[in-house]
Structures are given as C-alpha cells and as structure tokens.
Amino acid sequence: MLSAEKIDEIVLDIAGKKLPRESVDHVNSFDATDSEGHEAVRIVITLKPNVASRMDGDAVLDTLVGIQSRLSAAGEDRFPLVEYASTDDDGPNGDPES
C-alpha cells in the first residue's frame, strides 16, 4: 500500500500530462472502501477555475487509465476511486466542503 503522498505525486504527474496544460490545482487521496466493502483509495483531483468546461472525455479516460496502471505498477493494490472537484465550487473560505 502506497502512502497518500506518493499516490498524490503519481496522480499529479499523470493528470498534468493528460489533462489540459496546468489545469490541476491539487490532488488529495484518502483511504476508502468500495461498494463491495474492499479497501480502496479515494482520489480527488481539484481543477483550477474554468478548466472543467475545456476537458474532453478522452483526456478524462486517459487520466483514469494512466492512474490505474501507474498505481498498480508502483505496488498499490487498492482500487482508485477518482473524482474531480473544481476551485470554481469552493465555499467562502476556499474550501470545497464549506
């Protein structure tokens, strides 16, 4: 099992290559459980403002496939549950949860 920091580093590298140039604000990963009760890793890719509308389905799919492949090659056995957020959605304190 990889550390959250290593997962974030791998995801940021892949997303930076597959998504529109300089579109990723930050990445966070967390321990999670999938719908069948197995260990998983939840990955949230937060995009910079006005990027989501410029993304195409191929880039999103290529990012997902790249994340799965690279994490597996690095020894991560947990399934990645990837989701996107946008800094456009941030609450009043710059926090998507507020």
N, C-alpha and C. Protein backbone atom coordinates (compact mmCIF):
# COMPACT_ATOMS: atom_id res chain seq x y z
N MET A 1 0.85 -1.17 0.00
CA MET A 1 0.00 0.00 0.00
C MET A 1 0.90 1.24 0.00
N LEU A 2 0.65 2.14 -0.93
CA LEU A 2 1.43 3.36 -1.03
C LEU A 2 0.92 4.41 -0.06
N SER A 3 1.79 5.34 0.30
CA SER A 3 1.38 6.45 1.16
C SER A 3 0.53 7.43 0.34
N ALA A 4 -0.27 8.21 1.04
CA ALA A 4 -1.09 9.22 0.37
C ALA A 4 -0.22 10.20 -0.41
N GLU A 5 0.94 10.55 0.14
CA GLU A 5 1.84 11.49 -0.53
C GLU A 5 2.34 10.92 -1.85
N LYS A 6 2.70 9.64 -1.88
CA LYS A 6 3.19 9.01 -3.10
C LYS A 6 2.07 8.90 -4.13
N ILE A 7 0.87 8.54 -3.69
CA ILE A 7 -0.27 8.47 -4.59
C ILE A 7 -0.55 9.84 -5.20
N ASP A 8 -0.56 10.87 -4.37
CA ASP A 8 -0.80 12.23 -4.86
C ASP A 8 0.25 12.63 -5.90
N GLU A 9 1.50 12.27 -5.65
CA GLU A 9 2.59 12.59 -6.57
C GLU A 9 2.37 11.90 -7.93
N ILE A 10 2.02 10.63 -7.90
CA ILE A 10 1.78 9.88 -9.14
C ILE A 10 0.59 10.47 -9.89
N VAL A 11 -0.51 10.72 -9.18
CA VAL A 11 -1.71 11.25 -9.83
C VAL A 11 -1.45 12.63 -10.42
N LEU A 12 -0.74 13.47 -9.70
CA LEU A 12 -0.44 14.82 -10.20
C LEU A 12 0.41 14.74 -11.48
N ASP A 13 1.35 13.82 -11.51
CA ASP A 13 2.19 13.65 -12.69
C ASP A 13 1.35 13.22 -13.90
N ILE A 14 0.50 12.23 -13.71
CA ILE A 14 -0.33 11.73 -14.81
C ILE A 14 -1.34 12.78 -15.26
N ALA A 15 -2.05 13.38 -14.32
CA ALA A 15 -3.05 14.39 -14.65
C ALA A 15 -2.42 15.57 -15.37
N GLY A 16 -1.21 15.93 -14.97
CA GLY A 16 -0.51 17.04 -15.62
C GLY A 16 -0.16 16.76 -17.07
N LYS A 17 -0.05 15.49 -17.41
CA LYS A 17 0.28 15.10 -18.79
C LYS A 17 -0.96 14.85 -19.64
N LYS A 18 -2.06 14.43 -19.03
CA LYS A 18 -3.24 14.00 -19.78
C LYS A 18 -4.33 15.07 -19.90
N LEU A 19 -4.42 15.95 -18.91
CA LEU A 19 -5.47 16.97 -18.90
C LEU A 19 -4.94 18.26 -19.50
N PRO A 20 -5.81 19.22 -19.79
CA PRO A 20 -5.33 20.49 -20.35
C PRO A 20 -4.17 21.06 -19.52
N ARG A 21 -3.21 21.61 -20.20
CA ARG A 21 -1.97 22.11 -19.58
C ARG A 21 -2.26 22.96 -18.35
N GLU A 22 -1.56 22.64 -17.26
CA GLU A 22 -1.63 23.37 -15.99
C GLU A 22 -3.06 23.51 -15.47
N SER A 23 -3.85 22.46 -15.61
CA SER A 23 -5.25 22.53 -15.19
C SER A 23 -5.49 22.06 -13.76
N VAL A 24 -4.54 21.35 -13.18
CA VAL A 24 -4.75 20.76 -11.86
C VAL A 24 -4.24 21.71 -10.78
N ASP A 25 -5.13 22.03 -9.84
CA ASP A 25 -4.76 22.87 -8.71
C ASP A 25 -4.06 22.02 -7.65
N HIS A 26 -4.68 20.89 -7.26
CA HIS A 26 -4.05 19.98 -6.31
C HIS A 26 -4.76 18.63 -6.32
N VAL A 27 -4.12 17.66 -5.68
CA VAL A 27 -4.63 16.29 -5.60
C VAL A 27 -4.61 15.86 -4.14
N ASN A 28 -5.65 15.18 -3.71
CA ASN A 28 -5.68 14.61 -2.36
C ASN A 28 -6.18 13.18 -2.47
N SER A 29 -5.56 12.29 -1.70
CA SER A 29 -6.02 10.90 -1.67
C SER A 29 -6.29 10.49 -0.23
N PHE A 30 -7.24 9.58 -0.10
CA PHE A 30 -7.70 9.15 1.22
C PHE A 30 -7.98 7.65 1.20
N ASP A 31 -7.84 7.00 2.35
CA ASP A 31 -8.26 5.62 2.48
C ASP A 31 -9.77 5.58 2.31
N ALA A 32 -10.25 4.53 1.64
CA ALA A 32 -11.69 4.41 1.39
C ALA A 32 -12.07 2.94 1.32
N THR A 33 -13.36 2.72 1.17
CA THR A 33 -13.91 1.39 0.98
C THR A 33 -14.81 1.45 -0.25
N ASP A 34 -14.69 0.45 -1.13
CA ASP A 34 -15.53 0.47 -2.33
C ASP A 34 -16.93 -0.07 -2.01
N SER A 35 -17.77 -0.13 -3.01
CA SER A 35 -19.17 -0.51 -2.80
C SER A 35 -19.34 -1.96 -2.35
N GLU A 36 -18.29 -2.76 -2.49
CA GLU A 36 -18.35 -4.16 -2.05
C GLU A 36 -17.63 -4.39 -0.73
N GLY A 37 -17.19 -3.31 -0.10
CA GLY A 37 -16.52 -3.40 1.19
C GLY A 37 -15.03 -3.66 1.13
N HIS A 38 -14.42 -3.59 -0.05
CA HIS A 38 -12.99 -3.78 -0.20
C HIS A 38 -12.25 -2.46 0.02
N GLU A 39 -11.00 -2.58 0.47
CA GLU A 39 -10.18 -1.38 0.61
C GLU A 39 -10.00 -0.72 -0.75
N ALA A 40 -10.05 0.61 -0.76
CA ALA A 40 -9.87 1.39 -1.98
C ALA A 40 -9.12 2.66 -1.60
N VAL A 41 -8.79 3.45 -2.59
CA VAL A 41 -8.19 4.75 -2.34
C VAL A 41 -9.02 5.78 -3.11
N ARG A 42 -9.53 6.76 -2.38
CA ARG A 42 -10.33 7.84 -2.97
C ARG A 42 -9.36 8.94 -3.37
N ILE A 43 -9.43 9.34 -4.63
CA ILE A 43 -8.54 10.37 -5.17
C ILE A 43 -9.39 11.52 -5.67
N VAL A 44 -9.13 12.71 -5.16
CA VAL A 44 -9.85 13.90 -5.59
C VAL A 44 -8.86 14.80 -6.33
N ILE A 45 -9.14 15.01 -7.61
CA ILE A 45 -8.33 15.90 -8.44
C ILE A 45 -9.08 17.23 -8.50
N THR A 46 -8.51 18.27 -7.91
CA THR A 46 -9.15 19.58 -7.91
C THR A 46 -8.57 20.42 -9.04
N LEU A 47 -9.46 20.87 -9.90
CA LEU A 47 -9.07 21.63 -11.09
C LEU A 47 -9.09 23.12 -10.81
N LYS A 48 -8.26 23.83 -11.54
CA LYS A 48 -8.24 25.29 -11.46
C LYS A 48 -9.53 25.84 -12.07
N PRO A 49 -9.83 27.12 -11.80
CA PRO A 49 -11.05 27.73 -12.32
C PRO A 49 -11.15 27.64 -13.85
N ASN A 50 -12.36 27.41 -14.33
CA ASN A 50 -12.69 27.43 -15.76
C ASN A 50 -12.03 26.32 -16.58
N VAL A 51 -11.57 25.26 -15.94
CA VAL A 51 -10.91 24.17 -16.66
C VAL A 51 -11.90 23.08 -17.04
N ALA A 52 -12.84 22.79 -16.18
CA ALA A 52 -13.76 21.66 -16.41
C ALA A 52 -14.45 21.75 -17.77
N SER A 53 -14.81 22.92 -18.19
CA SER A 53 -15.52 23.08 -19.46
C SER A 53 -14.61 22.81 -20.66
N ARG A 54 -13.29 22.82 -20.46
CA ARG A 54 -12.35 22.57 -21.56
C ARG A 54 -11.88 21.12 -21.62
N MET A 55 -12.31 20.29 -20.68
CA MET A 55 -11.88 18.90 -20.66
C MET A 55 -12.73 18.07 -21.61
N ASP A 56 -12.09 17.11 -22.27
CA ASP A 56 -12.87 16.21 -23.11
C ASP A 56 -12.83 14.80 -22.51
N GLY A 57 -13.76 13.99 -22.94
CA GLY A 57 -13.91 12.64 -22.40
C GLY A 57 -12.68 11.78 -22.57
N ASP A 58 -11.98 11.94 -23.71
CA ASP A 58 -10.77 11.15 -23.94
C ASP A 58 -9.69 11.47 -22.91
N ALA A 59 -9.51 12.74 -22.59
CA ALA A 59 -8.49 13.13 -21.61
C ALA A 59 -8.83 12.59 -20.23
N VAL A 60 -10.11 12.63 -19.87
CA VAL A 60 -10.55 12.12 -18.58
C VAL A 60 -10.32 10.60 -18.51
N LEU A 61 -10.69 9.90 -19.57
CA LEU A 61 -10.49 8.45 -19.61
C LEU A 61 -9.01 8.09 -19.61
N ASP A 62 -8.21 8.79 -20.40
CA ASP A 62 -6.76 8.54 -20.42
C ASP A 62 -6.15 8.77 -19.04
N THR A 63 -6.64 9.77 -18.33
CA THR A 63 -6.15 10.05 -16.97
C THR A 63 -6.48 8.89 -16.04
N LEU A 64 -7.71 8.43 -16.09
CA LEU A 64 -8.14 7.32 -15.24
C LEU A 64 -7.32 6.05 -15.52
N VAL A 65 -7.16 5.71 -16.79
CA VAL A 65 -6.40 4.52 -17.16
C VAL A 65 -4.94 4.67 -16.71
N GLY A 66 -4.38 5.85 -16.92
CA GLY A 66 -3.00 6.09 -16.51
C GLY A 66 -2.81 5.97 -15.00
N ILE A 67 -3.77 6.48 -14.25
CA ILE A 67 -3.71 6.39 -12.78
C ILE A 67 -3.76 4.94 -12.35
N GLN A 68 -4.71 4.19 -12.89
CA GLN A 68 -4.84 2.78 -12.52
C GLN A 68 -3.57 2.00 -12.85
N SER A 69 -3.04 2.20 -14.05
CA SER A 69 -1.84 1.47 -14.48
C SER A 69 -0.62 1.82 -13.63
N ARG A 70 -0.42 3.10 -13.43
CA ARG A 70 0.79 3.54 -12.72
C ARG A 70 0.74 3.17 -11.25
N LEU A 71 -0.43 3.28 -10.61
CA LEU A 71 -0.54 2.89 -9.21
C LEU A 71 -0.32 1.39 -9.06
N SER A 72 -0.87 0.61 -9.95
CA SER A 72 -0.68 -0.84 -9.91
C SER A 72 0.79 -1.20 -10.08
N ALA A 73 1.45 -0.56 -11.03
CA ALA A 73 2.87 -0.82 -11.27
C ALA A 73 3.73 -0.43 -10.07
N ALA A 74 3.27 0.56 -9.30
CA ALA A 74 4.01 1.01 -8.12
C ALA A 74 3.71 0.15 -6.89
N GLY A 75 2.81 -0.83 -7.04
CA GLY A 75 2.52 -1.73 -5.93
C GLY A 75 1.26 -1.43 -5.14
N GLU A 76 0.44 -0.50 -5.65
CA GLU A 76 -0.81 -0.17 -4.97
C GLU A 76 -1.89 -1.15 -5.41
N ASP A 77 -2.38 -1.96 -4.48
CA ASP A 77 -3.38 -2.98 -4.79
C ASP A 77 -4.82 -2.47 -4.68
N ARG A 78 -5.02 -1.36 -3.98
CA ARG A 78 -6.37 -0.84 -3.80
C ARG A 78 -6.88 -0.20 -5.09
N PHE A 79 -8.19 -0.32 -5.30
CA PHE A 79 -8.81 0.28 -6.49
C PHE A 79 -8.92 1.79 -6.31
N PRO A 80 -8.51 2.58 -7.31
CA PRO A 80 -8.64 4.04 -7.20
C PRO A 80 -10.04 4.51 -7.56
N LEU A 81 -10.66 5.22 -6.65
CA LEU A 81 -11.96 5.86 -6.89
C LEU A 81 -11.67 7.33 -7.18
N VAL A 82 -11.64 7.69 -8.44
CA VAL A 82 -11.21 9.02 -8.85
C VAL A 82 -12.42 9.93 -9.04
N GLU A 83 -12.31 11.11 -8.47
CA GLU A 83 -13.35 12.12 -8.67
C GLU A 83 -12.70 13.47 -8.90
N TYR A 84 -13.46 14.35 -9.50
CA TYR A 84 -12.97 15.69 -9.80
C TYR A 84 -13.75 16.73 -9.00
N ALA A 85 -13.05 17.77 -8.62
CA ALA A 85 -13.65 18.94 -7.99
C ALA A 85 -13.08 20.15 -8.72
N SER A 86 -13.67 21.28 -8.49
CA SER A 86 -13.19 22.50 -9.13
C SER A 86 -13.06 23.60 -8.10
N THR A 87 -12.03 24.40 -8.25
CA THR A 87 -11.91 25.55 -7.35
C THR A 87 -13.05 26.52 -7.60
N ASP A 88 -13.75 26.40 -8.74
CA ASP A 88 -14.94 27.21 -9.00
C ASP A 88 -16.03 26.92 -7.98
N ASP A 89 -16.00 25.70 -7.41
CA ASP A 89 -17.03 25.26 -6.47
C ASP A 89 -16.69 25.56 -5.02
N ASP A 90 -15.55 26.21 -4.77
CA ASP A 90 -15.12 26.46 -3.40
C ASP A 90 -16.11 27.34 -2.66
N GLY A 91 -16.22 27.04 -1.38
CA GLY A 91 -17.06 27.84 -0.50
C GLY A 91 -16.38 29.15 -0.14
N PRO A 92 -16.92 29.88 0.82
CA PRO A 92 -16.42 31.20 1.14
C PRO A 92 -15.00 31.22 1.70
N ASN A 93 -14.50 30.12 2.20
CA ASN A 93 -13.14 30.07 2.75
C ASN A 93 -12.19 29.36 1.84
N GLY A 94 -12.55 29.18 0.55
CA GLY A 94 -11.70 28.46 -0.37
C GLY A 94 -11.70 26.97 -0.12
N ASP A 95 -12.71 26.48 0.59
CA ASP A 95 -12.81 25.09 0.97
C ASP A 95 -14.03 24.49 0.30
N PRO A 96 -13.85 23.44 -0.55
CA PRO A 96 -15.00 22.87 -1.23
C PRO A 96 -16.04 22.30 -0.28
N GLU A 97 -15.67 22.04 0.96
CA GLU A 97 -16.60 21.47 1.94
C GLU A 97 -17.39 22.52 2.69
N SER A 98 -17.03 23.80 2.55
CA SER A 98 -17.73 24.84 3.32
C SER A 98 -18.89 25.42 2.55
